[in-house]
Amino acid sequence: MLIDMRRDRINAHFPSTADGVRLRNRTVSVGFSLVEVLIALVIGMIGMVVMLQVFANFEGQKRTSTSGGDSISSGSISLYSIQRDIQQSGWGINAIQMIGCTLTDAGNILLQGINSVPLVPVTINPPTATLPAGETGTDTLLIVSGSSNSTIEGDLINGSVAIGGTVYPVHTPSAFAAGDYVAAVKADRAVGACSVQVNKVVSTVTNAGGLGTVTVSTGALAASNVNDRLFNLGPAPLIRGYAIRKMTAATGVDPNGVDKLTVCDYTAGTDCTDADSWTPVANSVVSLRAQYRRENQNNAMTGVPDTWDQSFTTTGVTTFVQPGLGGDPAACAQMRIRAVRLAMVARSSQPERPVKDAGNNDVPVWQSALTWSGSVTNVADGNSAAAAAAVGISPTSPSATWPTWNDFRYKVFETVVPLRNVTMRGVPEEC
């Protein structure tokens, strides 16, 4: 019944004519026209462009944030590494008889590539024959410290040792052990020409009453007499250099590489006079600057430093010494240096494109001059204009075209590190 009613409705709508038959047999088409498809395609493309632009902006911000975080990490790690070594510097070489001497090593039993280093806690910009220069406008540091647990005053030699002798009669042989590095310093230290030879302990003998002998591997540089001192530098002296260099992991020094803080251990069998031998500490560290905090050289030492600069007097008459006490200007000059001020600059690893100003000119992301305490004249603090000019921070440009130096972001890290192993000695009577 229901089927018949539907058939009647259809027949009523479509007359039983030829036209009606054609209408009843026509298939109704469903879909999109070409115009609709083209409109949808255009809308989709616009949406993709918008999404890609948003993604590009997001990635740019992400790279900026990430590279900024990386630069902070690099600067922090670098500053900590150097600060830690400077805090230890001077241990075992801070006695007035030893400090400022030159440690010679003709047989390379301790050093490689060089045969001498200054027995100075921190040397800023040592000769390039000892420590190759870093990037232009940056400083290099050589840090020296002993590692012995014995007395830092040296042990008195209680007998004579001929030139070439290897057995030292000492008061406290128990303060030495096989494998320790030692150096004998004469009681009448030659003014301005103190040179001591490093030796390695082979064995020790303790006699009744505590006296005994220390036998070393090579002969003495010069004859030793009663009241000369044998200093113990320990089994692993710290002799380490720091410099800013362009490095790559594959090829070593690369003029087109990335600035890095690098380090070289002079006691690890490495030839540190070869810049290729240096090991990166952290990437994108583009500047290292340092100054000494010292007491003025031309008056009796008081223990109160009053000057910042990069120089100290090691020879000659410009350093005051107390008359009649046999003081060496080189030693007194070193005792007057009480701290080191450091600055380190980390650069973001990702450059940023300049933005346009109202006049359609390119404006780089970084426009401020880089400064730190050492590059600012402060007469009250003893930082003269000349001293400040000597330690200005000028970041090197990675390229003559984009990106140049000011297409990166920078972070300046700075600190003052007391030379506690020197300050603990107070004011020597010779100075």
Protein backbone atom coordinates (compact mmCIF):
# COMPACT_ATOMS: atom_id res chain seq x y z
CA MET A 1 0.00 0.00 0.00
CA LEU A 2 2.81 2.37 0.99
CA ILE A 3 4.73 1.58 -2.17
CA ASP A 4 1.72 2.30 -4.33
CA MET A 5 1.15 5.67 -2.66
CA ARG A 6 4.79 6.73 -3.38
CA ARG A 7 4.48 5.61 -7.00
CA ASP A 8 1.34 7.70 -7.36
CA ARG A 9 3.15 10.78 -6.02
CA ILE A 10 6.00 10.31 -8.45
CA ASN A 11 3.67 9.82 -11.38
CA ALA A 12 1.78 12.91 -10.37
CA HIS A 13 5.01 14.95 -10.24
CA PHE A 14 6.43 13.59 -13.49
CA PRO A 15 3.73 13.31 -16.19
CA SER A 16 3.74 10.18 -18.30
CA THR A 17 5.13 11.96 -21.31
CA ALA A 18 8.43 11.64 -23.06
CA ASP A 19 9.74 14.66 -21.12
CA GLY A 20 8.48 13.19 -17.89
CA VAL A 21 10.26 9.91 -18.58
CA ARG A 22 13.52 11.77 -19.24
CA LEU A 23 13.06 13.75 -16.01
CA ARG A 24 12.40 10.65 -13.99
CA ASN A 25 15.50 8.92 -15.40
CA ARG A 26 17.86 11.95 -14.90
CA THR A 27 20.61 11.44 -12.26
CA VAL A 28 21.04 14.33 -9.76
CA SER A 29 24.76 15.51 -9.68
CA VAL A 30 26.43 16.21 -6.25
CA GLY A 31 29.98 17.89 -5.71
CA PHE A 32 32.13 21.09 -5.95
CA SER A 33 32.51 23.24 -8.95
CA LEU A 34 35.93 24.31 -10.30
CA VAL A 35 35.46 27.80 -8.90
CA GLU A 36 34.79 26.40 -5.43
CA VAL A 37 37.91 24.22 -5.60
CA LEU A 38 40.08 27.16 -6.62
CA ILE A 39 38.71 29.31 -3.80
CA ALA A 40 39.42 26.55 -1.27
CA LEU A 41 42.94 26.14 -2.63
CA VAL A 42 43.66 29.85 -2.26
CA ILE A 43 42.32 29.86 1.31
CA GLY A 44 44.48 26.84 2.15
CA MET A 45 47.59 28.45 0.71
CA ILE A 46 46.98 31.62 2.70
CA GLY A 47 46.60 29.53 5.83
CA MET A 48 49.88 27.69 5.12
CA VAL A 49 51.74 30.96 4.58
CA VAL A 50 50.42 32.29 7.88
CA MET A 51 51.36 29.09 9.73
CA LEU A 52 54.85 29.02 8.21
CA GLN A 53 55.40 32.65 9.15
CA VAL A 54 54.29 31.94 12.71
CA PHE A 55 56.56 28.88 12.81
CA ALA A 56 59.52 30.86 11.47
CA ASN A 57 59.00 33.58 14.07
CA PHE A 58 58.69 30.99 16.81
CA GLU A 59 61.84 29.19 15.70
CA GLY A 60 63.71 32.49 15.53
CA GLN A 61 62.66 33.35 19.07
CA LYS A 62 63.51 29.82 20.18
CA ARG A 63 67.01 30.01 18.64
CA THR A 64 67.57 33.41 20.21
CA SER A 65 66.51 32.15 23.63
CA THR A 66 68.48 28.92 23.28
CA SER A 67 71.66 30.59 22.04
CA GLY A 68 71.36 33.19 24.80
CA GLY A 69 71.07 30.42 27.37
CA ASP A 70 74.04 28.62 25.81
CA SER A 71 76.16 31.76 25.99
CA ILE A 72 75.32 32.20 29.69
CA SER A 73 76.29 28.58 30.33
CA SER A 74 79.53 28.97 28.38
CA GLY A 75 80.48 32.16 30.20
CA SER A 76 79.66 30.69 33.61
CA ILE A 77 81.62 27.49 32.98
CA SER A 78 84.60 29.42 31.62
CA LEU A 79 84.71 31.89 34.49
CA TYR A 80 84.39 29.10 37.06
CA SER A 81 87.24 27.11 35.48
CA ILE A 82 89.69 30.00 35.55
CA GLN A 83 88.54 31.26 38.95
CA ARG A 84 89.08 27.82 40.51
CA ASP A 85 92.64 27.58 39.19
CA ILE A 86 93.52 31.14 40.27
CA GLN A 87 92.23 30.45 43.77
CA GLN A 88 94.71 27.56 44.02
CA SER A 89 97.57 29.42 42.36
CA GLY A 90 100.76 30.15 44.24
CA TRP A 91 100.57 27.20 46.64
CA GLY A 92 104.06 25.94 47.36
CA ILE A 93 105.81 28.77 45.50
CA ASN A 94 104.66 31.67 47.70
CA ALA A 95 107.68 31.86 49.99
CA ILE A 96 109.77 35.00 49.52
CA GLN A 97 112.77 32.79 48.62
CA MET A 98 110.89 31.08 45.76
CA ILE A 99 108.28 33.40 44.26
CA GLY A 100 109.31 35.12 41.05
CA CYS A 101 112.10 32.67 40.24
CA THR A 102 112.28 30.85 36.90
CA LEU A 103 111.75 27.09 37.00
CA THR A 104 114.00 25.44 34.39
CA ASP A 105 113.46 21.97 32.98
CA ALA A 106 116.20 21.24 30.47
CA GLY A 107 115.40 17.50 30.51
CA ASN A 108 111.64 18.00 30.10
CA ILE A 109 110.87 15.78 33.05
CA LEU A 110 107.87 17.97 33.89
CA LEU A 111 107.30 20.36 30.98
CA GLN A 112 106.86 19.71 27.26
CA GLY A 113 107.69 22.11 24.44
CA ILE A 114 109.37 24.65 26.73
CA ASN A 115 112.20 24.40 29.21
CA SER A 116 111.20 27.06 31.72
CA VAL A 117 108.20 28.77 33.32
CA PRO A 118 108.02 31.68 35.78
CA LEU A 119 107.20 30.66 39.34
CA VAL A 120 104.47 33.28 39.50
CA PRO A 121 100.89 32.51 40.64
CA VAL A 122 99.29 34.24 37.64
CA THR A 123 101.07 35.72 34.64
CA ILE A 124 98.97 37.91 32.35
CA ASN A 125 100.18 37.76 28.73
CA PRO A 126 103.39 35.77 29.20
CA PRO A 127 105.87 35.71 26.29
CA THR A 128 104.41 34.07 23.20
CA ALA A 129 107.32 31.63 23.15
CA THR A 130 105.84 30.23 26.37
CA LEU A 131 102.14 30.70 25.63
CA PRO A 132 100.94 31.41 22.06
CA ALA A 133 98.90 34.59 21.72
CA GLY A 134 95.13 34.35 21.60
CA GLU A 135 92.67 36.29 19.45
CA THR A 136 93.42 39.96 18.82
CA GLY A 137 92.36 42.16 21.72
CA THR A 138 92.26 39.32 24.27
CA ASP A 139 94.58 38.32 27.10
CA THR A 140 96.26 35.03 27.93
CA LEU A 141 96.86 33.63 31.41
CA LEU A 142 99.50 31.28 32.79
CA ILE A 143 98.63 29.85 36.22
CA VAL A 144 101.14 28.02 38.43
CA SER A 145 100.68 26.16 41.70
CA GLY A 146 102.24 23.30 43.60
CA SER A 147 100.35 20.28 44.92
CA SER A 148 102.34 19.21 47.94
CA ASN A 149 100.85 18.65 51.40
CA SER A 150 104.18 19.40 53.08
CA THR A 151 105.50 22.71 54.39
CA ILE A 152 105.27 25.63 52.01
CA GLU A 153 108.41 27.23 53.44
CA GLY A 154 110.71 24.64 51.90
CA ASP A 155 112.90 22.25 53.88
CA LEU A 156 116.31 23.40 55.08
CA ILE A 157 119.25 21.62 53.48
CA ASN A 158 121.65 20.68 56.26
CA GLY A 159 124.71 19.82 54.21
CA SER A 160 126.53 20.66 50.99
CA VAL A 161 125.62 19.24 47.60
CA ALA A 162 128.14 19.55 44.79
CA ILE A 163 127.16 20.57 41.28
CA GLY A 164 125.64 17.50 39.66
CA GLY A 165 124.84 15.95 43.02
CA THR A 166 121.59 14.05 43.41
CA VAL A 167 121.38 13.46 47.18
CA TYR A 168 120.09 16.29 49.40
CA PRO A 169 120.55 16.03 53.16
CA VAL A 170 117.39 17.58 54.63
CA HIS A 171 115.79 18.19 58.00
CA THR A 172 112.43 16.59 57.21
CA PRO A 173 112.70 13.78 54.65
CA SER A 174 109.19 12.63 55.55
CA ALA A 175 107.87 15.76 53.82
CA PHE A 176 108.92 14.26 50.47
CA ALA A 177 107.85 11.15 48.57
CA ALA A 178 108.96 9.34 45.45
CA GLY A 179 107.41 11.04 42.43
CA ASP A 180 107.34 14.54 43.94
CA TYR A 181 108.86 17.40 41.95
CA VAL A 182 111.34 19.54 43.88
CA ALA A 183 113.57 22.57 43.35
CA ALA A 184 116.46 23.85 45.47
CA VAL A 185 116.67 27.60 46.13
CA LYS A 186 119.77 29.23 47.53
CA ALA A 187 119.59 31.20 50.77
CA ASP A 188 121.44 34.09 49.13
CA ARG A 189 119.08 34.31 46.18
CA ALA A 190 120.66 36.26 43.33
CA VAL A 191 118.84 39.55 42.90
CA GLY A 192 116.92 39.66 39.62
CA ALA A 193 118.38 36.38 38.34
CA CYS A 194 116.76 33.60 40.35
CA SER A 195 116.70 30.37 38.39
CA VAL A 196 115.97 26.95 39.90
CA GLN A 197 115.98 23.50 38.31
CA VAL A 198 113.13 21.06 38.71
CA ASN A 199 114.03 17.56 39.84
CA LYS A 200 111.99 14.46 40.59
CA VAL A 201 112.32 12.55 43.85
CA VAL A 202 113.48 8.97 43.43
CA SER A 203 113.65 7.95 47.09
CA THR A 204 113.91 9.24 50.65
CA VAL A 205 115.73 8.00 53.73
CA THR A 206 114.87 8.94 57.30
CA ASN A 207 117.64 8.50 59.88
CA ALA A 208 117.45 8.36 63.64
CA GLY A 209 116.43 11.72 65.03
CA GLY A 210 114.33 12.57 61.96
CA LEU A 211 117.05 13.85 59.66
CA GLY A 212 117.64 12.11 56.36
CA THR A 213 118.18 12.45 52.63
CA VAL A 214 116.20 13.01 49.46
CA THR A 215 117.56 11.51 46.26
CA VAL A 216 116.50 13.13 42.98
CA SER A 217 116.63 11.90 39.40
CA THR A 218 118.93 14.54 37.89
CA GLY A 219 121.82 16.62 39.11
CA ALA A 220 121.52 19.94 40.87
CA LEU A 221 121.77 23.09 38.76
CA ALA A 222 124.33 24.56 41.13
CA ALA A 223 126.02 23.73 44.37
CA SER A 224 123.75 23.77 47.43
CA ASN A 225 124.89 24.71 50.90
CA VAL A 226 123.61 24.71 54.44
CA ASN A 227 120.50 26.91 54.86
CA ASP A 228 119.54 26.62 51.20
CA ARG A 229 116.01 25.28 50.84
CA LEU A 230 114.49 22.35 48.99
CA PHE A 231 110.92 23.17 47.94
CA ASN A 232 108.41 20.42 47.26
CA LEU A 233 106.07 21.17 44.33
CA GLY A 234 104.18 17.93 44.88
CA PRO A 235 103.43 15.02 42.53
CA ALA A 236 101.20 17.05 40.19
CA PRO A 237 102.06 20.75 39.96
CA LEU A 238 99.47 22.91 38.24
CA ILE A 239 100.91 24.75 35.22
CA ARG A 240 98.04 25.70 32.98
CA GLY A 241 97.43 28.26 30.24
CA TYR A 242 94.18 29.88 29.09
CA ALA A 243 93.54 31.74 25.83
CA ILE A 244 90.75 32.66 23.40
CA ARG A 245 91.22 30.85 20.09
CA LYS A 246 89.26 29.99 16.96
CA MET A 247 88.91 26.23 17.09
CA THR A 248 87.10 23.38 15.36
CA ALA A 249 86.97 19.83 16.65
CA ALA A 250 88.27 18.34 13.40
CA THR A 251 91.09 20.61 12.29
CA GLY A 252 92.24 22.49 15.39
CA VAL A 253 92.91 26.16 14.73
CA ASP A 254 90.62 27.48 12.01
CA PRO A 255 90.62 31.17 10.97
CA ASN A 256 86.93 30.82 10.11
CA GLY A 257 86.08 28.83 13.21
CA VAL A 258 84.22 29.76 16.38
CA ASP A 259 85.88 31.66 19.22
CA LYS A 260 86.35 29.42 22.23
CA LEU A 261 88.06 29.57 25.59
CA THR A 262 90.87 27.02 25.38
CA VAL A 263 93.20 25.51 27.95
CA CYS A 264 96.51 23.66 27.84
CA ASP A 265 98.13 21.68 30.66
CA TYR A 266 101.90 22.07 30.52
CA THR A 267 102.46 19.02 32.72
CA ALA A 268 100.31 16.56 30.72
CA GLY A 269 102.89 15.72 28.07
CA THR A 270 101.42 18.30 25.67
CA ASP A 271 103.42 20.81 23.68
CA CYS A 272 101.52 23.96 24.61
CA THR A 273 103.65 26.09 22.29
CA ASP A 274 101.62 24.53 19.47
CA ALA A 275 98.21 26.25 19.34
CA ASP A 276 96.73 23.06 17.82
CA SER A 277 97.35 21.29 21.13
CA TRP A 278 94.94 23.44 23.10
CA THR A 279 91.63 22.00 24.29
CA PRO A 280 88.32 23.92 24.12
CA VAL A 281 86.63 24.65 27.44
CA ALA A 282 83.49 26.38 26.15
CA ASN A 283 82.14 27.65 22.83
CA SER A 284 81.35 31.23 21.83
CA VAL A 285 83.59 32.87 24.46
CA VAL A 286 84.99 35.77 22.47
CA SER A 287 87.05 37.78 24.95
CA LEU A 288 89.17 37.32 28.06
CA ARG A 289 90.62 40.28 29.93
CA ALA A 290 92.56 40.48 33.19
CA GLN A 291 94.21 42.99 35.52
CA TYR A 292 96.40 42.72 38.60
CA ARG A 293 95.35 44.29 41.88
CA ARG A 294 98.69 45.33 43.34
CA GLU A 295 100.33 47.71 45.72
CA ASN A 296 102.31 50.64 44.36
CA GLN A 297 105.90 49.62 43.69
CA ASN A 298 107.78 52.68 44.91
CA ASN A 299 107.20 52.65 48.64
CA ALA A 300 107.56 50.26 51.57
CA MET A 301 104.99 47.48 51.34
CA THR A 302 101.94 47.84 53.58
CA GLY A 303 99.79 44.95 52.33
CA VAL A 304 97.08 47.31 51.04
CA PRO A 305 96.81 47.22 47.21
CA ASP A 306 95.95 50.46 45.48
CA THR A 307 96.43 50.00 41.72
CA TRP A 308 94.88 48.05 38.83
CA ASP A 309 97.05 47.31 35.80
CA GLN A 310 98.55 44.51 33.72
CA SER A 311 102.20 45.00 34.59
CA PHE A 312 104.52 44.30 37.45
CA THR A 313 108.21 45.01 37.95
CA THR A 314 110.38 41.92 38.24
CA THR A 315 113.85 43.42 37.88
CA GLY A 316 115.57 46.73 38.37
CA VAL A 317 115.28 49.34 41.10
CA THR A 318 111.70 50.53 40.71
CA THR A 319 110.39 48.01 43.24
CA PHE A 320 111.13 48.99 46.82
CA VAL A 321 113.02 46.55 49.06
CA GLN A 322 114.04 47.07 52.64
CA PRO A 323 117.76 47.97 52.80
CA GLY A 324 120.20 45.43 54.16
CA LEU A 325 117.81 42.42 54.20
CA GLY A 326 118.72 40.89 50.87
CA GLY A 327 115.32 41.39 49.31
CA ASP A 328 114.88 40.65 45.61
CA PRO A 329 112.80 43.20 43.67
CA ALA A 330 111.33 40.36 41.60
CA ALA A 331 110.06 38.61 44.73
CA CYS A 332 108.77 41.81 46.35
CA ALA A 333 107.00 42.80 43.14
CA GLN A 334 105.17 39.49 43.13
CA MET A 335 104.22 39.73 46.81
CA ARG A 336 102.56 43.09 46.08
CA ILE A 337 100.07 41.48 43.66
CA ARG A 338 97.10 40.51 45.82
CA ALA A 339 94.28 39.72 43.39
CA VAL A 340 93.36 39.34 39.74
CA ARG A 341 90.31 40.93 38.14
CA LEU A 342 88.79 38.97 35.24
CA ALA A 343 86.27 39.68 32.51
CA MET A 344 84.90 37.18 30.04
CA VAL A 345 82.51 37.84 27.15
CA ALA A 346 80.17 35.16 25.82
CA ARG A 347 78.45 35.61 22.47
CA SER A 348 75.18 33.99 21.39
CA SER A 349 75.75 31.21 18.88
CA GLN A 350 72.94 32.32 16.55
CA PRO A 351 73.04 35.67 14.68
CA GLU A 352 69.90 37.73 14.25
CA ARG A 353 68.83 39.65 11.16
CA PRO A 354 68.78 43.44 11.46
CA VAL A 355 65.40 45.13 11.78
CA LYS A 356 64.29 48.14 9.75
CA ASP A 357 63.86 51.55 11.33
CA ALA A 358 61.45 54.27 10.20
CA GLY A 359 63.85 55.24 7.42
CA ASN A 360 64.13 51.62 6.19
CA ASN A 361 67.71 51.41 7.50
CA ASP A 362 69.12 48.19 8.96
CA VAL A 363 69.42 48.30 12.75
CA PRO A 364 71.53 45.46 14.25
CA VAL A 365 70.36 43.61 17.33
CA TRP A 366 73.38 44.78 19.42
CA GLN A 367 74.33 48.46 19.48
CA SER A 368 75.88 49.02 22.93
CA ALA A 369 79.61 49.20 23.60
CA LEU A 370 80.93 46.34 25.71
CA THR A 371 82.57 47.46 28.95
CA TRP A 372 83.59 46.02 32.29
CA SER A 373 85.05 47.41 35.51
CA GLY A 374 88.58 47.16 34.17
CA SER A 375 87.84 49.20 31.05
CA VAL A 376 86.34 52.12 32.99
CA THR A 377 88.64 54.82 34.39
CA ASN A 378 88.26 54.96 38.17
CA VAL A 379 90.91 57.12 39.80
CA ALA A 380 89.64 56.42 43.32
CA ASP A 381 90.02 52.68 42.70
CA GLY A 382 93.45 53.05 41.14
CA ASN A 383 92.34 52.30 37.58
CA SER A 384 94.01 54.93 35.43
CA ALA A 385 92.92 55.93 31.95
CA ALA A 386 95.92 54.11 30.50
CA ALA A 387 95.15 50.94 32.46
CA ALA A 388 91.50 51.06 31.41
CA ALA A 389 92.35 51.61 27.75
CA ALA A 390 94.65 48.60 27.81
CA VAL A 391 91.84 46.21 28.71
CA GLY A 392 88.93 47.41 26.60
CA ILE A 393 86.66 44.67 25.29
CA SER A 394 86.40 44.70 21.50
CA PRO A 395 84.68 41.56 20.21
CA THR A 396 86.12 40.19 17.00
CA SER A 397 83.78 40.14 14.01
CA PRO A 398 83.18 36.66 12.60
CA SER A 399 82.74 38.08 9.09
CA ALA A 400 83.06 41.24 7.02
CA THR A 401 79.47 40.72 5.85
CA TRP A 402 76.39 39.52 7.66
CA PRO A 403 76.65 38.34 10.35
CA THR A 404 79.03 40.90 11.81
CA TRP A 405 79.83 41.20 15.52
CA ASN A 406 76.77 43.30 16.36
CA ASP A 407 74.35 40.77 14.85
CA PHE A 408 74.84 38.67 18.00
CA ARG A 409 73.92 39.13 21.65
CA TYR A 410 76.57 39.33 24.40
CA LYS A 411 76.95 38.67 28.10
CA VAL A 412 79.86 40.03 30.14
CA PHE A 413 81.00 38.02 33.17
CA GLU A 414 83.48 39.48 35.63
CA THR A 415 84.90 38.78 39.05
CA VAL A 416 87.81 39.56 41.37
CA VAL A 417 89.81 36.57 42.58
CA PRO A 418 92.06 37.09 45.64
CA LEU A 419 95.46 35.40 45.48
CA ARG A 420 94.88 33.90 48.89
CA ASN A 421 98.11 31.86 48.91
CA VAL A 422 100.02 35.15 48.55
CA THR A 423 97.95 37.32 50.86
CA MET A 424 98.22 34.68 53.60
CA ARG A 425 101.96 35.41 53.78
CA GLY A 426 101.35 38.99 54.93
CA VAL A 427 104.10 41.54 54.38
CA PRO A 428 107.61 40.02 54.10
CA GLU A 429 110.19 41.94 56.08
CA GLU A 430 112.39 42.15 52.99
CA CYS A 431 109.76 44.22 51.18
